[in-house]
Amino acid sequence: MKLQKHPIIRENLLQIIDFLKKDEKTCITLMSRFIKQGDIELLPNHIKGYSFYLDKEVVGVLAISDGGIVLHHFRNDILVEEKPIFAELKEIVLQILLSHNIYSIIGDMKGTDFLRKSLENERQPKIIIPYTLMLFNERQNKKQPLLPENFSLKKCTSQDTEALYPLQAAYDIVEVLPPGEVFNPDNCRLNLHHNLANQYILGLFSDTEKVFVAKAGTNAIGLNWVQLGGVFTKEDFRGRGFASFLVKTLGKTMTEKNKKIALFVKDSNDFAKKAYIRAGFEPDSKFCICYY
């Protein structure tokens, strides 16, 4: 069997989608890059796509943005060092990675480790952050979440960019910004505006203080799955179940839209894990992000 690398083009697009949807829960962000307003589309121009085949069967997909963000999905059985195909795949992947200025590798632990180790003789990541992938179990959450008294729930739009910006900035600084990097308020505001226009984001608004005190939303909308993210509560409003309320509400909303729901949480963040478990999520598998 000989490994083949092909670009992702219209002629093999549906085959790529069929491959990804078999285990979409582990590659929702990657799948979302092929979805535009609910329809299947080729990757946008700022993302390069690569597919890997054995005997005309897809066994792996890579997508690398102009900003150096690497998304991936590989069939687990080809990521076994003892198999002859492993060394061949590793060499092909290395050449692809070296042709880009890699900023981060994001995905399931096994695939991320494979890509990181393929690159390790050339570049080492600044930081490796392990996460737990968690899945929403609707069967355990039949009750409608109760809206806290003196608060309003709002489906946010791009018109809420400035009102939500303080929460988003705090979230980015605490949860997203890699060590050593400087926070960029303009990029934060621009990304928030884009997400508000393209994702499903809920905000909890204090009727007395007239500010948003908590937020949560999707950060990737795939074919059959959505991924939640950006969950954050203003510091002086924590410990009151607001994050659990928002995440549970999102879980029910997305279930009603016939979507399955996943999220990933830092292994070190036990408080968040407990909040997500209360909201109906269950640990599933290991996830990882490497920053270069």
C-alpha atoms as a PDB file:
ATOM      1  CA  MET A   1       0.000   0.000   0.000  1.00  0.00           C
ATOM      2  CA  LYS A   2       1.334   3.424  -0.936  1.00  0.00           C
ATOM      3  CA  LEU A   3       0.362   6.602   0.831  1.00  0.00           C
ATOM      4  CA  GLN A   4      -0.821   9.434  -1.412  1.00  0.00           C
ATOM      5  CA  LYS A   5      -1.248  13.130  -0.666  1.00  0.00           C
ATOM      6  CA  HIS A   6      -3.881  15.154  -2.512  1.00  0.00           C
ATOM      7  CA  PRO A   7      -5.191  18.708  -2.279  1.00  0.00           C
ATOM      8  CA  ILE A   8      -8.791  19.069  -1.172  1.00  0.00           C
ATOM      9  CA  ILE A   9     -10.760  19.959  -4.291  1.00  0.00           C
ATOM     10  CA  ARG A  10     -14.383  19.827  -5.336  1.00  0.00           C
ATOM     11  CA  GLU A  11     -13.965  16.317  -6.774  1.00  0.00           C
ATOM     12  CA  ASN A  12     -12.953  14.775  -3.433  1.00  0.00           C
ATOM     13  CA  LEU A  13     -14.817  17.138  -1.090  1.00  0.00           C
ATOM     14  CA  LEU A  14     -17.714  14.799  -0.257  1.00  0.00           C
ATOM     15  CA  GLN A  15     -15.288  11.953   0.407  1.00  0.00           C
ATOM     16  CA  ILE A  16     -13.438  14.216   2.848  1.00  0.00           C
ATOM     17  CA  ILE A  17     -16.703  15.138   4.590  1.00  0.00           C
ATOM     18  CA  ASP A  18     -17.702  11.469   4.882  1.00  0.00           C
ATOM     19  CA  PHE A  19     -14.332  10.735   6.492  1.00  0.00           C
ATOM     20  CA  LEU A  20     -14.582  13.585   9.010  1.00  0.00           C
ATOM     21  CA  LYS A  21     -18.165  12.942  10.061  1.00  0.00           C
ATOM     22  CA  LYS A  22     -17.351   9.395  11.212  1.00  0.00           C
ATOM     23  CA  ASP A  23     -15.709  10.919  14.286  1.00  0.00           C
ATOM     24  CA  GLU A  24     -16.786  14.547  14.009  1.00  0.00           C
ATOM     25  CA  LYS A  25     -16.891  15.077  17.776  1.00  0.00           C
ATOM     26  CA  THR A  26     -13.066  15.113  17.802  1.00  0.00           C
ATOM     27  CA  CYS A  27     -12.685  17.509  14.828  1.00  0.00           C
ATOM     28  CA  ILE A  28     -15.650  19.890  14.969  1.00  0.00           C
ATOM     29  CA  THR A  29     -13.566  22.985  14.240  1.00  0.00           C
ATOM     30  CA  LEU A  30     -11.988  21.279  11.222  1.00  0.00           C
ATOM     31  CA  MET A  31     -15.405  20.214   9.928  1.00  0.00           C
ATOM     32  CA  SER A  32     -16.755  23.734  10.471  1.00  0.00           C
ATOM     33  CA  ARG A  33     -14.224  25.096   7.980  1.00  0.00           C
ATOM     34  CA  PHE A  34     -16.120  23.199   5.277  1.00  0.00           C
ATOM     35  CA  ILE A  35     -19.554  24.486   6.353  1.00  0.00           C
ATOM     36  CA  LYS A  36     -20.952  27.834   5.229  1.00  0.00           C
ATOM     37  CA  GLN A  37     -24.479  28.792   6.279  1.00  0.00           C
ATOM     38  CA  GLY A  38     -25.297  25.103   6.653  1.00  0.00           C
ATOM     39  CA  ASP A  39     -23.979  24.085   3.230  1.00  0.00           C
ATOM     40  CA  ILE A  40     -20.842  22.081   2.419  1.00  0.00           C
ATOM     41  CA  GLU A  41     -18.211  24.233   0.711  1.00  0.00           C
ATOM     42  CA  LEU A  42     -14.536  24.066  -0.191  1.00  0.00           C
ATOM     43  CA  LEU A  43     -12.110  25.545   2.314  1.00  0.00           C
ATOM     44  CA  PRO A  44     -11.843  29.351   2.145  1.00  0.00           C
ATOM     45  CA  ASN A  45      -8.832  30.778   0.324  1.00  0.00           C
ATOM     46  CA  HIS A  46      -6.888  31.548   3.504  1.00  0.00           C
ATOM     47  CA  ILE A  47      -6.803  27.852   4.487  1.00  0.00           C
ATOM     48  CA  LYS A  48      -4.742  25.182   2.708  1.00  0.00           C
ATOM     49  CA  GLY A  49      -6.218  21.680   2.777  1.00  0.00           C
ATOM     50  CA  TYR A  50      -4.371  18.367   2.436  1.00  0.00           C
ATOM     51  CA  SER A  51      -5.831  14.863   2.316  1.00  0.00           C
ATOM     52  CA  PHE A  52      -4.054  11.509   2.682  1.00  0.00           C
ATOM     53  CA  TYR A  53      -5.135   8.282   0.998  1.00  0.00           C
ATOM     54  CA  LEU A  54      -4.405   4.570   1.234  1.00  0.00           C
ATOM     55  CA  ASP A  55      -5.891   2.501  -1.609  1.00  0.00           C
ATOM     56  CA  LYS A  56      -8.254   5.337  -2.539  1.00  0.00           C
ATOM     57  CA  GLU A  57      -9.530   5.582   1.046  1.00  0.00           C
ATOM     58  CA  VAL A  58      -9.101   8.783   3.068  1.00  0.00           C
ATOM     59  CA  VAL A  59      -7.030   8.215   6.198  1.00  0.00           C
ATOM     60  CA  GLY A  60      -6.184  11.790   7.192  1.00  0.00           C
ATOM     61  CA  VAL A  61      -6.942  15.478   6.673  1.00  0.00           C
ATOM     62  CA  LEU A  62      -4.905  18.593   7.468  1.00  0.00           C
ATOM     63  CA  ALA A  63      -6.029  22.212   7.229  1.00  0.00           C
ATOM     64  CA  ILE A  64      -3.546  25.033   7.805  1.00  0.00           C
ATOM     65  CA  SER A  65      -4.547  28.699   7.851  1.00  0.00           C
ATOM     66  CA  ASP A  66      -2.436  31.622   6.685  1.00  0.00           C
ATOM     67  CA  GLY A  67      -2.019  32.443  10.372  1.00  0.00           C
ATOM     68  CA  GLY A  68      -0.411  29.039  10.991  1.00  0.00           C
ATOM     69  CA  ILE A  69      -3.285  27.331  12.822  1.00  0.00           C
ATOM     70  CA  VAL A  70      -3.210  23.582  12.129  1.00  0.00           C
ATOM     71  CA  LEU A  71      -6.401  21.509  12.381  1.00  0.00           C
ATOM     72  CA  HIS A  72      -6.278  17.778  11.779  1.00  0.00           C
ATOM     73  CA  HIS A  73      -7.957  14.410  11.819  1.00  0.00           C
ATOM     74  CA  PHE A  74      -6.276  11.053  11.189  1.00  0.00           C
ATOM     75  CA  ARG A  75      -7.500   7.515  11.321  1.00  0.00           C
ATOM     76  CA  ASN A  76      -6.034   6.194  14.566  1.00  0.00           C
ATOM     77  CA  ASP A  77      -4.728   2.932  13.118  1.00  0.00           C
ATOM     78  CA  ILE A  78      -2.253   4.723  10.830  1.00  0.00           C
ATOM     79  CA  LEU A  79      -0.682   6.587  13.766  1.00  0.00           C
ATOM     80  CA  VAL A  80       1.057   3.452  15.009  1.00  0.00           C
ATOM     81  CA  GLU A  81       4.860   3.662  14.891  1.00  0.00           C
ATOM     82  CA  GLU A  82       5.282  -0.058  14.202  1.00  0.00           C
ATOM     83  CA  LYS A  83       3.376   0.193  10.915  1.00  0.00           C
ATOM     84  CA  PRO A  84       5.476   0.780   7.770  1.00  0.00           C
ATOM     85  CA  ILE A  85       3.135   3.567   6.644  1.00  0.00           C
ATOM     86  CA  PHE A  86       3.863   5.608   9.791  1.00  0.00           C
ATOM     87  CA  ALA A  87       7.356   6.770   8.771  1.00  0.00           C
ATOM     88  CA  GLU A  88       6.141   7.671   5.283  1.00  0.00           C
ATOM     89  CA  LEU A  89       3.256   9.712   6.643  1.00  0.00           C
ATOM     90  CA  LYS A  90       5.532  11.421   9.154  1.00  0.00           C
ATOM     91  CA  GLU A  91       7.927  12.552   6.408  1.00  0.00           C
ATOM     92  CA  ILE A  92       5.145  13.860   4.161  1.00  0.00           C
ATOM     93  CA  VAL A  93       3.528  15.713   7.064  1.00  0.00           C
ATOM     94  CA  LEU A  94       6.869  17.222   8.083  1.00  0.00           C
ATOM     95  CA  GLN A  95       7.391  18.719   4.628  1.00  0.00           C
ATOM     96  CA  ILE A  96       3.890  20.214   4.728  1.00  0.00           C
ATOM     97  CA  LEU A  97       4.407  21.715   8.184  1.00  0.00           C
ATOM     98  CA  LEU A  98       7.778  23.166   7.215  1.00  0.00           C
ATOM     99  CA  SER A  99       6.156  24.957   4.274  1.00  0.00           C
ATOM    100  CA  HIS A 100       4.037  26.976   6.718  1.00  0.00           C
ATOM    101  CA  ASN A 101       4.842  29.257   9.642  1.00  0.00           C
ATOM    102  CA  ILE A 102       3.117  27.164  12.300  1.00  0.00           C
ATOM    103  CA  TYR A 103       1.521  29.024  15.217  1.00  0.00           C
ATOM    104  CA  SER A 104      -0.560  26.281  16.842  1.00  0.00           C
ATOM    105  CA  ILE A 105      -1.699  22.671  16.435  1.00  0.00           C
ATOM    106  CA  ILE A 106      -5.208  21.928  17.696  1.00  0.00           C
ATOM    107  CA  GLY A 107      -7.047  18.620  17.941  1.00  0.00           C
ATOM    108  CA  ASP A 108      -7.331  15.225  19.578  1.00  0.00           C
ATOM    109  CA  MET A 109      -4.339  14.224  21.673  1.00  0.00           C
ATOM    110  CA  LYS A 110      -3.083  11.376  19.480  1.00  0.00           C
ATOM    111  CA  GLY A 111      -3.114  13.382  16.247  1.00  0.00           C
ATOM    112  CA  THR A 112      -1.626  16.479  17.884  1.00  0.00           C
ATOM    113  CA  ASP A 113       1.183  14.416  19.415  1.00  0.00           C
ATOM    114  CA  PHE A 114       1.912  12.885  16.019  1.00  0.00           C
ATOM    115  CA  LEU A 115       2.179  16.283  14.324  1.00  0.00           C
ATOM    116  CA  ARG A 116       4.234  17.759  17.165  1.00  0.00           C
ATOM    117  CA  LYS A 117       6.687  14.844  17.114  1.00  0.00           C
ATOM    118  CA  SER A 118       6.919  14.998  13.311  1.00  0.00           C
ATOM    119  CA  LEU A 119       8.129  18.588  13.707  1.00  0.00           C
ATOM    120  CA  GLU A 120      10.193  18.222  16.894  1.00  0.00           C
ATOM    121  CA  ASN A 121      13.647  18.048  15.243  1.00  0.00           C
ATOM    122  CA  GLU A 122      12.945  21.366  13.522  1.00  0.00           C
ATOM    123  CA  ARG A 123      10.806  23.254  16.020  1.00  0.00           C
ATOM    124  CA  GLN A 124       9.687  22.806  19.604  1.00  0.00           C
ATOM    125  CA  PRO A 125       6.388  24.211  20.945  1.00  0.00           C
ATOM    126  CA  LYS A 126       6.518  26.980  23.530  1.00  0.00           C
ATOM    127  CA  ILE A 127       3.736  25.346  25.470  1.00  0.00           C
ATOM    128  CA  ILE A 128       1.592  22.192  25.329  1.00  0.00           C
ATOM    129  CA  ILE A 129      -1.839  22.456  26.967  1.00  0.00           C
ATOM    130  CA  PRO A 130      -3.802  19.233  27.611  1.00  0.00           C
ATOM    131  CA  TYR A 131      -7.600  19.360  27.610  1.00  0.00           C
ATOM    132  CA  THR A 132     -10.517  17.009  28.202  1.00  0.00           C
ATOM    133  CA  LEU A 133     -13.158  16.713  25.495  1.00  0.00           C
ATOM    134  CA  MET A 134     -16.633  16.622  27.066  1.00  0.00           C
ATOM    135  CA  LEU A 135     -19.955  15.677  25.449  1.00  0.00           C
ATOM    136  CA  PHE A 136     -23.445  16.883  26.366  1.00  0.00           C
ATOM    137  CA  ASN A 137     -25.854  14.191  27.589  1.00  0.00           C
ATOM    138  CA  GLU A 138     -29.387  15.495  27.008  1.00  0.00           C
ATOM    139  CA  ARG A 139     -30.947  12.431  28.676  1.00  0.00           C
ATOM    140  CA  GLN A 140     -29.666  13.570  32.060  1.00  0.00           C
ATOM    141  CA  ASN A 141     -31.023  17.095  31.699  1.00  0.00           C
ATOM    142  CA  LYS A 142     -34.743  17.080  31.066  1.00  0.00           C
ATOM    143  CA  LYS A 143     -35.523  20.107  33.251  1.00  0.00           C
ATOM    144  CA  GLN A 144     -35.559  23.587  31.758  1.00  0.00           C
ATOM    145  CA  PRO A 145     -32.755  25.721  33.258  1.00  0.00           C
ATOM    146  CA  LEU A 146     -34.102  28.412  35.586  1.00  0.00           C
ATOM    147  CA  LEU A 147     -33.197  31.996  34.717  1.00  0.00           C
ATOM    148  CA  PRO A 148     -31.639  33.693  37.763  1.00  0.00           C
ATOM    149  CA  GLU A 149     -33.793  36.417  39.305  1.00  0.00           C
ATOM    150  CA  ASN A 150     -32.975  40.012  38.230  1.00  0.00           C
ATOM    151  CA  PHE A 151     -31.108  38.797  35.160  1.00  0.00           C
ATOM    152  CA  SER A 152     -32.053  38.635  31.496  1.00  0.00           C
ATOM    153  CA  LEU A 153     -30.921  36.100  28.916  1.00  0.00           C
ATOM    154  CA  LYS A 154     -30.021  37.492  25.508  1.00  0.00           C
ATOM    155  CA  LYS A 155     -29.126  35.915  22.169  1.00  0.00           C
ATOM    156  CA  CYS A 156     -26.322  38.300  21.278  1.00  0.00           C
ATOM    157  CA  THR A 157     -25.572  39.829  17.881  1.00  0.00           C
ATOM    158  CA  SER A 158     -22.767  41.957  16.451  1.00  0.00           C
ATOM    159  CA  GLN A 159     -24.587  45.003  17.892  1.00  0.00           C
ATOM    160  CA  ASP A 160     -23.554  43.722  21.339  1.00  0.00           C
ATOM    161  CA  THR A 161     -19.833  43.799  20.542  1.00  0.00           C
ATOM    162  CA  GLU A 162     -18.955  46.714  22.825  1.00  0.00           C
ATOM    163  CA  ALA A 163     -21.194  45.549  25.667  1.00  0.00           C
ATOM    164  CA  LEU A 164     -19.638  42.057  25.616  1.00  0.00           C
ATOM    165  CA  TYR A 165     -16.071  43.209  24.975  1.00  0.00           C
ATOM    166  CA  PRO A 166     -14.996  43.444  28.682  1.00  0.00           C
ATOM    167  CA  LEU A 167     -16.018  39.812  29.240  1.00  0.00           C
ATOM    168  CA  GLN A 168     -14.347  38.647  26.033  1.00  0.00           C
ATOM    169  CA  ALA A 169     -11.127  40.517  26.808  1.00  0.00           C
ATOM    170  CA  ALA A 170     -10.960  38.977  30.287  1.00  0.00           C
ATOM    171  CA  TYR A 171     -11.635  35.523  28.839  1.00  0.00           C
ATOM    172  CA  ASP A 172      -8.923  35.885  26.185  1.00  0.00           C
ATOM    173  CA  ILE A 173      -6.353  37.029  28.736  1.00  0.00           C
ATOM    174  CA  VAL A 174      -7.149  34.279  31.250  1.00  0.00           C
ATOM    175  CA  GLU A 175      -8.017  31.321  29.015  1.00  0.00           C
ATOM    176  CA  VAL A 176      -6.639  31.889  25.513  1.00  0.00           C
ATOM    177  CA  LEU A 177      -3.499  34.043  25.476  1.00  0.00           C
ATOM    178  CA  PRO A 178      -0.362  31.848  25.451  1.00  0.00           C
ATOM    179  CA  PRO A 179       2.332  32.746  27.998  1.00  0.00           C
ATOM    180  CA  GLY A 180       4.638  35.493  26.780  1.00  0.00           C
ATOM    181  CA  GLU A 181       2.222  36.950  24.231  1.00  0.00           C
ATOM    182  CA  VAL A 182       0.814  40.472  24.518  1.00  0.00           C
ATOM    183  CA  PHE A 183      -2.949  40.946  24.508  1.00  0.00           C
ATOM    184  CA  ASN A 184      -4.184  42.754  21.381  1.00  0.00           C
ATOM    185  CA  PRO A 185      -7.491  44.564  22.080  1.00  0.00           C
ATOM    186  CA  ASP A 186      -8.131  45.283  18.396  1.00  0.00           C
ATOM    187  CA  ASN A 187      -7.860  41.599  17.445  1.00  0.00           C
ATOM    188  CA  CYS A 188     -10.031  40.650  20.412  1.00  0.00           C
ATOM    189  CA  ARG A 189     -12.740  43.097  19.385  1.00  0.00           C
ATOM    190  CA  LEU A 190     -12.570  42.046  15.728  1.00  0.00           C
ATOM    191  CA  ASN A 191     -12.811  38.328  16.572  1.00  0.00           C
ATOM    192  CA  LEU A 192     -15.711  38.973  18.939  1.00  0.00           C
ATOM    193  CA  HIS A 193     -17.573  40.967  16.276  1.00  0.00           C
ATOM    194  CA  HIS A 194     -17.030  38.148  13.762  1.00  0.00           C
ATOM    195  CA  ASN A 195     -18.189  35.453  16.197  1.00  0.00           C
ATOM    196  CA  LEU A 196     -21.278  37.411  17.158  1.00  0.00           C
ATOM    197  CA  ALA A 197     -22.194  37.562  13.478  1.00  0.00           C
ATOM    198  CA  ASN A 198     -21.506  33.880  12.767  1.00  0.00           C
ATOM    199  CA  GLN A 199     -21.934  31.910  15.997  1.00  0.00           C
ATOM    200  CA  TYR A 200     -24.733  31.347  18.520  1.00  0.00           C
ATOM    201  CA  ILE A 201     -23.751  33.325  21.625  1.00  0.00           C
ATOM    202  CA  LEU A 202     -25.771  33.883  24.791  1.00  0.00           C
ATOM    203  CA  GLY A 203     -25.186  36.623  27.346  1.00  0.00           C
ATOM    204  CA  LEU A 204     -26.543  36.881  30.883  1.00  0.00           C
ATOM    205  CA  PHE A 205     -27.416  40.522  31.601  1.00  0.00           C
ATOM    206  CA  SER A 206     -27.759  42.061  35.059  1.00  0.00           C
ATOM    207  CA  ASP A 207     -30.983  44.080  35.106  1.00  0.00           C
ATOM    208  CA  THR A 208     -29.761  46.037  38.120  1.00  0.00           C
ATOM    209  CA  GLU A 209     -26.163  46.800  37.086  1.00  0.00           C
ATOM    210  CA  LYS A 210     -26.986  47.041  33.352  1.00  0.00           C
ATOM    211  CA  VAL A 211     -24.001  44.960  32.235  1.00  0.00           C
ATOM    212  CA  PHE A 212     -23.371  41.480  30.875  1.00  0.00           C
ATOM    213  CA  VAL A 213     -22.009  39.336  33.687  1.00  0.00           C
ATOM    214  CA  ALA A 214     -21.560  36.008  31.884  1.00  0.00           C
ATOM    215  CA  LYS A 215     -21.345  34.657  28.360  1.00  0.00           C
ATOM    216  CA  ALA A 216     -21.143  31.350  26.487  1.00  0.00           C
ATOM    217  CA  GLY A 217     -21.619  30.280  22.913  1.00  0.00           C
ATOM    218  CA  THR A 218     -20.596  28.092  20.032  1.00  0.00           C
ATOM    219  CA  ASN A 219     -17.166  28.594  18.540  1.00  0.00           C
ATOM    220  CA  ALA A 220     -17.518  26.020  15.768  1.00  0.00           C
ATOM    221  CA  ILE A 221     -20.628  24.808  13.947  1.00  0.00           C
ATOM    222  CA  GLY A 222     -20.013  21.564  12.101  1.00  0.00           C
ATOM    223  CA  LEU A 223     -22.236  19.221  10.140  1.00  0.00           C
ATOM    224  CA  ASN A 224     -23.838  17.259  12.976  1.00  0.00           C
ATOM    225  CA  TRP A 225     -21.949  18.699  15.945  1.00  0.00           C
ATOM    226  CA  VAL A 226     -21.326  22.100  17.498  1.00  0.00           C
ATOM    227  CA  GLN A 227     -18.504  23.034  19.838  1.00  0.00           C
ATOM    228  CA  LEU A 228     -19.056  25.386  22.758  1.00  0.00           C
ATOM    229  CA  GLY A 229     -16.498  27.872  23.995  1.00  0.00           C
ATOM    230  CA  GLY A 230     -15.860  31.349  25.328  1.00  0.00           C
ATOM    231  CA  VAL A 231     -17.564  30.477  28.611  1.00  0.00           C
ATOM    232  CA  PHE A 232     -16.767  33.203  31.129  1.00  0.00           C
ATOM    233  CA  THR A 233     -18.303  34.855  34.187  1.00  0.00           C
ATOM    234  CA  LYS A 234     -17.375  38.265  35.621  1.00  0.00           C
ATOM    235  CA  GLU A 235     -15.238  37.656  38.706  1.00  0.00           C
ATOM    236  CA  ASP A 236     -17.586  39.147  41.302  1.00  0.00           C
ATOM    237  CA  PHE A 237     -20.522  37.085  39.960  1.00  0.00           C
ATOM    238  CA  ARG A 238     -18.872  33.673  40.131  1.00  0.00           C
ATOM    239  CA  GLY A 239     -20.062  30.804  42.290  1.00  0.00           C
ATOM    240  CA  ARG A 240     -23.731  31.409  41.469  1.00  0.00           C
ATOM    241  CA  GLY A 241     -24.146  28.819  38.720  1.00  0.00           C
ATOM    242  CA  PHE A 242     -24.287  31.306  35.837  1.00  0.00           C
ATOM    243  CA  ALA A 243     -21.849  29.366  33.626  1.00  0.00           C
ATOM    244  CA  SER A 244     -23.751  26.116  34.207  1.00  0.00           C
ATOM    245  CA  PHE A 245     -27.027  27.874  33.400  1.00  0.00           C
ATOM    246  CA  LEU A 246     -25.718  29.264  30.108  1.00  0.00           C
ATOM    247  CA  VAL A 247     -24.035  26.038  29.022  1.00  0.00           C
ATOM    248  CA  LYS A 248     -27.083  23.945  29.903  1.00  0.00           C
ATOM    249  CA  THR A 249     -29.308  26.377  27.996  1.00  0.00           C
ATOM    250  CA  LEU A 250     -27.008  26.168  24.980  1.00  0.00           C
ATOM    251  CA  GLY A 251     -27.005  22.388  25.211  1.00  0.00           C
ATOM    252  CA  LYS A 252     -30.776  22.243  25.104  1.00  0.00           C
ATOM    253  CA  THR A 253     -30.990  24.838  22.339  1.00  0.00           C
ATOM    254  CA  MET A 254     -28.508  23.024  20.110  1.00  0.00           C
ATOM    255  CA  THR A 255     -30.180  19.675  20.796  1.00  0.00           C
ATOM    256  CA  GLU A 256     -33.466  21.162  19.595  1.00  0.00           C
ATOM    257  CA  LYS A 257     -31.605  22.181  16.414  1.00  0.00           C
ATOM    258  CA  ASN A 258     -30.619  18.508  15.961  1.00  0.00           C
ATOM    259  CA  LYS A 259     -26.978  19.158  16.804  1.00  0.00           C
ATOM    260  CA  LYS A 260     -24.819  17.160  19.182  1.00  0.00           C
ATOM    261  CA  ILE A 261     -22.678  19.250  21.526  1.00  0.00           C
ATOM    262  CA  ALA A 262     -19.072  19.056  22.692  1.00  0.00           C
ATOM    263  CA  LEU A 263     -16.556  21.314  24.405  1.00  0.00           C
ATOM    264  CA  PHE A 264     -13.022  20.994  25.697  1.00  0.00           C
ATOM    265  CA  VAL A 265     -11.725  22.196  29.040  1.00  0.00           C
ATOM    266  CA  LYS A 266      -8.198  22.492  30.445  1.00  0.00           C
ATOM    267  CA  ASP A 267      -7.211  19.425  32.462  1.00  0.00           C
ATOM    268  CA  SER A 268      -6.014  21.785  35.205  1.00  0.00           C
ATOM    269  CA  ASN A 269      -9.368  23.577  35.510  1.00  0.00           C
ATOM    270  CA  ASP A 270     -11.255  21.379  37.979  1.00  0.00           C
ATOM    271  CA  PHE A 271     -13.748  24.165  38.800  1.00  0.00           C
ATOM    272  CA  ALA A 272     -14.846  24.430  35.152  1.00  0.00           C
ATOM    273  CA  LYS A 273     -15.044  20.644  34.775  1.00  0.00           C
ATOM    274  CA  LYS A 274     -17.427  20.447  37.732  1.00  0.00           C
ATOM    275  CA  ALA A 275     -19.553  23.265  36.280  1.00  0.00           C
ATOM    276  CA  TYR A 276     -19.803  21.467  32.947  1.00  0.00           C
ATOM    277  CA  ILE A 277     -20.682  18.182  34.631  1.00  0.00           C
ATOM    278  CA  ARG A 278     -23.495  19.985  36.498  1.00  0.00           C
ATOM    279  CA  ALA A 279     -24.632  21.335  33.127  1.00  0.00           C
ATOM    280  CA  GLY A 280     -24.912  17.818  31.694  1.00  0.00           C
ATOM    281  CA  PHE A 281     -21.508  17.200  30.098  1.00  0.00           C
ATOM    282  CA  GLU A 282     -19.493  14.004  30.467  1.00  0.00           C
ATOM    283  CA  PRO A 283     -15.724  13.487  29.905  1.00  0.00           C
ATOM    284  CA  ASP A 284     -15.017  11.638  26.656  1.00  0.00           C
ATOM    285  CA  SER A 285     -11.407  11.780  25.466  1.00  0.00           C
ATOM    286  CA  LYS A 286      -8.168  13.775  25.466  1.00  0.00           C
ATOM    287  CA  PHE A 287      -7.591  16.948  23.450  1.00  0.00           C
ATOM    288  CA  CYS A 288      -4.493  19.120  23.076  1.00  0.00           C
ATOM    289  CA  ILE A 289      -3.267  22.513  21.832  1.00  0.00           C
ATOM    290  CA  CYS A 290       0.403  23.263  21.126  1.00  0.00           C
ATOM    291  CA  TYR A 291       1.613  26.834  20.665  1.00  0.00           C
ATOM    292  CA  TYR A 292       4.804  27.679  18.746  1.00  0.00           C
END
